[in-house]
Amino acid sequence: MSWNPTQKPDCPNSSLDSLETLIIPRARDLGGFEVRRALPSPKRQMVGPFIFFDQMGPAEFITDGGIDVRPHPHIGLGTVTYLYEGEFEHRDSVGTHQMIYPGEVNWMTAGRGVTHSERTSPETRASRHKLFGIQTWIALPEKDEDMAPDFEHHKKEALPEINDTGLHAKLILGTAYGETSPVTMQLETFYLDVVLQPGAHFPLPDNHEDRGLYITQGSVEIAGEVFEAGRMMVFRPGDRISVRAGEQGARLMALGGETMNESRFIWWNFVSSSRDRIEEAKEAWKTADWENGPFRLPPGDDAEFIPISKKLEETMPKAE
């Protein structure tokens, strides 16, 4: 990347021709808690290896309220949880029991199969509280789809910071601007939390093929056109891209990396290059043989789980 973040960036005059896809996320109300899903979308399944992108909140809960995502399975992907406000209590079948707070990174690699739950802790439920953050899935390369499941947690102090006039960014995953995140990745990627002061410029990394931006707060301008919060923009490979924050500033998630050349199927919580593999995982979860099957329930949270509903099963793609 030619931009040295310690110097004034040479901001290119971006053209709207560089904007390949504009995605307006689908919003879903989960009982007073809104989720906006940008990926996958009818216009774009992935940006680099990112195959799922959800904005959670912002939401405020009264006393005793919170999130209870019961144990559920994954295959063929890695999950990333990154919070702006609030907390989650994470448990998984690898044996992890981990709290996650704003600015920290939970990276769970499902590989051939993992089960996890996410809940608001009893301590947080004792008073009013907020939740605001992003959850993403990253598709694993075909050679790593059957790897053993794994988990990493990194405190916010471990993430590289990039600062310039009116700009502060944290590198969550991958490489950008000469910095490298401590999170173990299976392929080339980048994922940044970017905060811009009013009028500040942000040039995207130009050493990655697929590049996108998601606006969580404020607005940005490209070639005189304004894009508000709740929009994902995907840009053409190779073009030099810079965005300018609006009058209220902006907070962005910049994401992308290596283009996934193999096709991917996604059904419920499963991602795979093989429909047969998804069918096998579905049947294993329905069987619920926690002793002999490929899935285990998380220690400390094994009294319930999310079943596959009949309505969901009807959407299962047929194996070729």
Protein backbone atom coordinates (compact mmCIF):
# COMPACT_ATOMS: atom_id res chain seq x y z
CA MET A 1 0.00 0.00 0.00
CA SER A 2 1.44 3.33 -1.06
CA TRP A 3 -0.29 5.30 1.68
CA ASN A 4 1.87 5.85 4.73
CA PRO A 5 -0.59 6.48 7.58
CA THR A 6 1.93 8.72 9.31
CA GLN A 7 1.76 11.18 6.43
CA LYS A 8 -0.99 13.08 4.64
CA PRO A 9 -2.51 10.54 2.25
CA ASP A 10 -2.54 11.22 -1.46
CA CYS A 11 -6.29 10.83 -1.80
CA PRO A 12 -7.39 9.91 -5.31
CA ASN A 13 -10.42 11.52 -6.86
CA SER A 14 -12.67 8.46 -6.69
CA SER A 15 -15.29 8.00 -9.38
CA LEU A 16 -18.70 6.43 -8.97
CA ASP A 17 -17.65 4.15 -11.83
CA SER A 18 -15.47 2.41 -9.23
CA LEU A 19 -18.57 1.46 -7.24
CA GLU A 20 -19.42 -2.02 -8.48
CA THR A 21 -22.29 -2.88 -6.13
CA LEU A 22 -24.42 -0.99 -3.60
CA ILE A 23 -26.14 -3.23 -1.04
CA ILE A 24 -29.01 -2.10 1.15
CA PRO A 25 -29.23 -4.66 3.97
CA ARG A 26 -32.38 -6.56 4.84
CA ALA A 27 -33.66 -5.59 8.29
CA ARG A 28 -35.25 -8.10 10.64
CA ASP A 29 -36.82 -7.35 14.01
CA LEU A 30 -36.07 -10.08 16.54
CA GLY A 31 -38.44 -8.79 19.19
CA GLY A 32 -37.10 -5.32 19.92
CA PHE A 33 -33.67 -6.18 18.60
CA GLU A 34 -32.96 -5.33 14.94
CA VAL A 35 -30.47 -7.16 12.74
CA ARG A 36 -29.45 -5.84 9.32
CA ARG A 37 -27.97 -8.44 6.94
CA ALA A 38 -25.76 -7.16 4.12
CA LEU A 39 -24.20 -10.49 3.06
CA PRO A 40 -25.16 -12.71 1.40
CA SER A 41 -27.40 -10.57 -0.81
CA PRO A 42 -29.08 -11.07 -4.19
CA LYS A 43 -26.44 -8.76 -5.69
CA ARG A 44 -23.38 -10.26 -4.07
CA GLN A 45 -22.71 -13.47 -2.12
CA MET A 46 -19.21 -12.61 -0.90
CA VAL A 47 -16.68 -9.79 -0.59
CA GLY A 48 -13.35 -11.58 -0.59
CA PRO A 49 -13.93 -14.49 1.83
CA PHE A 50 -16.64 -12.62 3.79
CA ILE A 51 -19.86 -14.56 3.12
CA PHE A 52 -22.09 -13.29 5.94
CA PHE A 53 -22.31 -9.80 7.45
CA ASP A 54 -24.83 -8.78 10.12
CA GLN A 55 -25.21 -5.49 11.99
CA MET A 56 -26.64 -6.17 15.46
CA GLY A 57 -28.50 -3.22 16.97
CA PRO A 58 -28.02 -0.62 18.22
CA ALA A 59 -30.43 -1.84 20.88
CA GLU A 60 -31.17 -1.07 24.51
CA PHE A 61 -32.47 -3.69 26.93
CA ILE A 62 -34.31 -3.22 30.17
CA THR A 63 -33.34 -5.06 33.35
CA ASP A 64 -33.40 -8.87 32.85
CA GLY A 65 -33.40 -8.42 29.07
CA GLY A 66 -30.71 -9.60 26.70
CA ILE A 67 -29.68 -12.01 23.97
CA ASP A 68 -30.00 -15.79 24.19
CA VAL A 69 -28.65 -17.53 21.09
CA ARG A 70 -28.92 -21.20 22.05
CA PRO A 71 -26.26 -23.74 20.98
CA HIS A 72 -26.17 -24.18 17.21
CA PRO A 73 -23.73 -25.71 14.70
CA HIS A 74 -21.36 -24.41 12.02
CA ILE A 75 -19.16 -26.00 9.36
CA GLY A 76 -16.75 -24.66 6.73
CA LEU A 77 -16.36 -21.12 8.07
CA GLY A 78 -14.88 -18.86 10.72
CA THR A 79 -17.05 -16.50 12.79
CA VAL A 80 -15.94 -13.04 13.88
CA THR A 81 -17.69 -11.10 16.64
CA TYR A 82 -16.79 -7.41 17.07
CA LEU A 83 -18.73 -5.14 19.41
CA TYR A 84 -19.06 -1.36 19.69
CA GLU A 85 -21.23 -1.55 22.83
CA GLY A 86 -22.32 -4.31 25.18
CA GLU A 87 -21.00 -7.82 25.71
CA PHE A 88 -21.53 -11.49 24.82
CA GLU A 89 -20.83 -14.63 26.82
CA HIS A 90 -19.46 -17.19 24.37
CA ARG A 91 -19.33 -20.95 24.96
CA ASP A 92 -18.37 -23.57 22.37
CA SER A 93 -17.83 -27.29 21.93
CA VAL A 94 -14.05 -26.80 21.89
CA GLY A 95 -14.46 -26.01 25.60
CA THR A 96 -14.18 -22.22 25.37
CA HIS A 97 -15.94 -19.98 27.87
CA GLN A 98 -15.12 -16.38 26.94
CA MET A 99 -16.61 -12.95 27.53
CA ILE A 100 -16.25 -10.49 24.67
CA TYR A 101 -16.31 -6.72 25.18
CA PRO A 102 -16.10 -3.73 22.78
CA GLY A 103 -12.97 -3.63 20.62
CA GLU A 104 -12.04 -7.28 21.25
CA VAL A 105 -12.08 -10.11 18.72
CA ASN A 106 -13.66 -13.56 18.99
CA TRP A 107 -12.44 -15.74 16.09
CA MET A 108 -13.99 -19.21 16.05
CA THR A 109 -12.95 -21.53 13.23
CA ALA A 110 -15.66 -24.12 12.66
CA GLY A 111 -13.80 -26.32 10.18
CA ARG A 112 -15.44 -29.77 10.09
CA GLY A 113 -17.87 -28.84 12.84
CA VAL A 114 -18.34 -26.77 15.98
CA THR A 115 -21.24 -25.78 18.21
CA HIS A 116 -21.52 -22.53 20.17
CA SER A 117 -23.89 -20.28 22.08
CA GLU A 118 -23.96 -16.53 22.69
CA ARG A 119 -25.82 -15.01 25.61
CA THR A 120 -26.01 -11.86 27.69
CA SER A 121 -24.41 -12.59 31.06
CA PRO A 122 -26.45 -12.54 34.31
CA GLU A 123 -24.30 -9.63 35.55
CA THR A 124 -25.22 -7.47 32.57
CA ARG A 125 -28.92 -8.41 32.77
CA ALA A 126 -29.02 -6.95 36.29
CA SER A 127 -29.42 -3.44 34.86
CA ARG A 128 -30.31 -1.62 31.64
CA HIS A 129 -27.73 -2.16 28.93
CA LYS A 130 -26.99 -1.67 25.24
CA LEU A 131 -25.76 -3.86 22.40
CA PHE A 132 -24.27 -2.75 19.09
CA GLY A 133 -21.86 -4.66 16.92
CA ILE A 134 -21.04 -6.66 13.80
CA GLN A 135 -20.94 -10.40 13.22
CA THR A 136 -19.37 -11.88 10.12
CA TRP A 137 -18.62 -15.31 8.69
CA ILE A 138 -15.54 -15.98 6.60
CA ALA A 139 -15.60 -18.91 4.19
CA LEU A 140 -12.63 -21.22 4.62
CA PRO A 141 -10.49 -22.30 1.64
CA GLU A 142 -11.55 -25.71 0.32
CA LYS A 143 -8.39 -27.32 1.68
CA ASP A 144 -9.25 -26.11 5.22
CA GLU A 145 -12.98 -26.85 5.29
CA ASP A 146 -12.42 -30.07 7.27
CA MET A 147 -9.81 -28.70 9.68
CA ALA A 148 -10.21 -29.21 13.41
CA PRO A 149 -12.32 -26.49 15.06
CA ASP A 150 -10.40 -23.81 16.93
CA PHE A 151 -10.94 -20.59 18.88
CA GLU A 152 -8.93 -17.40 19.45
CA HIS A 153 -9.67 -14.34 21.53
CA HIS A 154 -7.64 -11.12 21.30
CA LYS A 155 -7.95 -8.09 23.57
CA LYS A 156 -8.34 -4.67 21.96
CA GLU A 157 -4.79 -3.71 22.98
CA ALA A 158 -3.43 -6.49 20.72
CA LEU A 159 -4.96 -5.04 17.54
CA PRO A 160 -2.75 -2.74 15.42
CA GLU A 161 -3.87 0.88 15.27
CA ILE A 162 -3.61 3.20 12.27
CA ASN A 163 -3.85 6.95 12.88
CA ASP A 164 -3.78 10.01 10.68
CA THR A 165 -5.41 13.44 10.63
CA GLY A 166 -9.07 12.87 11.47
CA LEU A 167 -8.74 9.09 11.15
CA HIS A 168 -8.41 6.26 13.64
CA ALA A 169 -8.56 2.61 12.55
CA LYS A 170 -8.07 -0.76 14.20
CA LEU A 171 -7.00 -3.76 12.14
CA ILE A 172 -9.23 -6.64 13.24
CA LEU A 173 -8.15 -9.30 10.72
CA GLY A 174 -5.50 -9.75 8.06
CA THR A 175 -3.07 -7.17 6.68
CA ALA A 176 -3.36 -3.51 5.68
CA TYR A 177 -1.06 -0.49 5.48
CA GLY A 178 1.98 -2.52 6.53
CA GLU A 179 0.28 -3.84 9.68
CA THR A 180 -0.79 -7.40 10.52
CA SER A 181 -3.50 -8.53 12.92
CA PRO A 182 -2.55 -11.25 15.45
CA VAL A 183 -5.62 -13.32 14.47
CA THR A 184 -4.72 -16.53 12.59
CA MET A 185 -6.13 -16.48 9.06
CA GLN A 186 -6.30 -19.21 6.42
CA LEU A 187 -6.16 -16.85 3.43
CA GLU A 188 -5.47 -13.23 2.47
CA THR A 189 -7.94 -10.79 3.96
CA PHE A 190 -8.40 -7.45 5.72
CA TYR A 191 -11.01 -6.16 8.15
CA LEU A 192 -10.83 -2.69 9.72
CA ASP A 193 -12.87 -0.65 12.21
CA VAL A 194 -12.48 2.94 10.94
CA VAL A 195 -13.60 6.11 12.74
CA LEU A 196 -13.51 9.35 10.71
CA GLN A 197 -13.90 12.93 11.90
CA PRO A 198 -16.05 15.25 9.74
CA GLY A 199 -14.42 15.80 6.35
CA ALA A 200 -11.63 13.27 6.91
CA HIS A 201 -10.54 10.99 4.06
CA PHE A 202 -10.05 7.23 4.13
CA PRO A 203 -8.24 5.47 1.25
CA LEU A 204 -8.98 1.75 0.98
CA PRO A 205 -6.04 -0.67 0.87
CA ASP A 206 -5.05 -1.18 -2.77
CA ASN A 207 -3.19 -4.47 -2.30
CA HIS A 208 -6.34 -6.60 -2.01
CA GLU A 209 -8.50 -7.72 -4.92
CA ASP A 210 -11.96 -7.56 -3.33
CA ARG A 211 -12.75 -4.48 -1.25
CA GLY A 212 -15.90 -3.20 0.40
CA LEU A 213 -17.13 -0.70 3.01
CA TYR A 214 -20.05 -0.89 5.39
CA ILE A 215 -21.23 2.35 7.02
CA THR A 216 -22.36 1.81 10.60
CA GLN A 217 -22.65 5.46 11.64
CA GLY A 218 -22.67 8.84 9.89
CA SER A 219 -22.15 9.11 6.14
CA VAL A 220 -19.46 9.21 3.47
CA GLU A 221 -19.14 10.95 0.12
CA ILE A 222 -17.79 9.54 -3.13
CA ALA A 223 -17.55 11.76 -6.22
CA GLY A 224 -20.10 14.17 -4.76
CA GLU A 225 -22.69 11.51 -3.87
CA VAL A 226 -23.56 10.86 -0.22
CA PHE A 227 -24.06 7.38 1.23
CA GLU A 228 -25.72 7.08 4.63
CA ALA A 229 -25.37 4.55 7.45
CA GLY A 230 -26.68 1.07 6.74
CA ARG A 231 -25.14 0.77 3.26
CA MET A 232 -22.49 -1.63 1.96
CA MET A 233 -20.41 -0.61 -1.05
CA VAL A 234 -18.28 -3.02 -3.09
CA PHE A 235 -15.64 -1.54 -5.40
CA ARG A 236 -14.01 -2.62 -8.65
CA PRO A 237 -10.68 -4.42 -8.28
CA GLY A 238 -7.61 -2.33 -8.99
CA ASP A 239 -9.13 1.15 -8.70
CA ARG A 240 -7.73 3.55 -6.12
CA ILE A 241 -10.59 4.39 -3.77
CA SER A 242 -10.95 7.11 -1.14
CA VAL A 243 -14.08 8.16 0.73
CA ARG A 244 -14.70 11.41 2.61
CA ALA A 245 -16.66 11.56 5.88
CA GLY A 246 -19.80 13.68 6.00
CA GLU A 247 -20.62 16.57 8.34
CA GLN A 248 -21.26 14.25 11.30
CA GLY A 249 -18.21 12.08 10.68
CA ALA A 250 -18.47 8.35 10.02
CA ARG A 251 -17.72 4.91 11.37
CA LEU A 252 -16.98 2.22 8.80
CA MET A 253 -16.11 -1.43 8.57
CA ALA A 254 -13.69 -1.97 5.68
CA LEU A 255 -13.47 -5.56 4.48
CA GLY A 256 -12.25 -7.78 1.70
CA GLY A 257 -9.30 -9.80 0.54
CA GLU A 258 -8.62 -12.69 -1.79
CA THR A 259 -11.40 -13.56 -4.24
CA MET A 260 -12.85 -17.02 -3.56
CA ASN A 261 -12.65 -18.78 -6.90
CA GLU A 262 -14.42 -21.95 -5.72
CA SER A 263 -18.22 -21.87 -5.49
CA ARG A 264 -19.78 -21.89 -2.03
CA PHE A 265 -23.12 -23.15 -0.81
CA ILE A 266 -24.69 -21.61 2.29
CA TRP A 267 -27.63 -23.10 4.17
CA TRP A 268 -28.65 -22.13 7.69
CA ASN A 269 -25.36 -22.05 9.66
CA PHE A 270 -23.41 -24.19 7.21
CA VAL A 271 -21.00 -23.08 4.46
CA SER A 272 -19.30 -25.56 2.14
CA SER A 273 -18.00 -26.13 -1.37
CA SER A 274 -20.06 -29.36 -1.31
CA ARG A 275 -23.83 -29.70 -1.06
CA ASP A 276 -23.31 -33.28 0.11
CA ARG A 277 -21.23 -32.01 3.05
CA ILE A 278 -24.04 -29.66 4.05
CA GLU A 279 -26.54 -32.52 3.84
CA GLU A 280 -24.31 -34.65 6.09
CA ALA A 281 -24.06 -31.85 8.66
CA LYS A 282 -27.82 -31.31 8.57
CA GLU A 283 -28.52 -35.00 9.21
CA ALA A 284 -25.93 -35.14 11.99
CA TRP A 285 -27.52 -32.18 13.78
CA LYS A 286 -31.01 -33.66 13.42
CA THR A 287 -29.78 -36.97 14.86
CA ALA A 288 -28.47 -35.12 17.94
CA ASP A 289 -26.05 -37.90 18.88
CA TRP A 290 -23.77 -35.79 21.06
CA GLU A 291 -21.74 -38.79 22.21
CA ASN A 292 -20.91 -40.47 18.89
CA GLY A 293 -21.80 -37.91 16.23
CA PRO A 294 -19.60 -35.10 14.84
CA PHE A 295 -21.19 -32.37 16.98
CA ARG A 296 -20.94 -31.77 20.73
CA LEU A 297 -22.86 -29.26 22.83
CA PRO A 298 -20.84 -26.58 24.67
CA PRO A 299 -19.80 -27.55 28.20
CA GLY A 300 -21.80 -25.44 30.64
CA ASP A 301 -24.57 -24.78 28.07
CA ASP A 302 -25.81 -28.22 27.04
CA ALA A 303 -29.40 -28.23 28.33
CA GLU A 304 -30.91 -26.97 25.04
CA PHE A 305 -30.10 -26.32 21.40
CA ILE A 306 -31.63 -24.82 18.24
CA PRO A 307 -33.34 -27.60 16.23
CA ILE A 308 -33.80 -27.63 12.47
CA SER A 309 -37.40 -26.64 11.87
CA LYS A 310 -39.56 -28.24 9.20
CA LYS A 311 -39.87 -24.88 7.43
CA LEU A 312 -36.10 -24.48 7.36
CA GLU A 313 -35.56 -28.04 6.15
CA GLU A 314 -37.77 -27.36 3.12
CA THR A 315 -35.21 -24.80 1.93
CA MET A 316 -32.38 -27.38 1.87
CA PRO A 317 -30.73 -27.47 -1.59
CA LYS A 318 -30.77 -30.87 -3.24
CA ALA A 319 -27.41 -32.60 -3.55
CA GLU A 320 -26.10 -32.89 -7.10
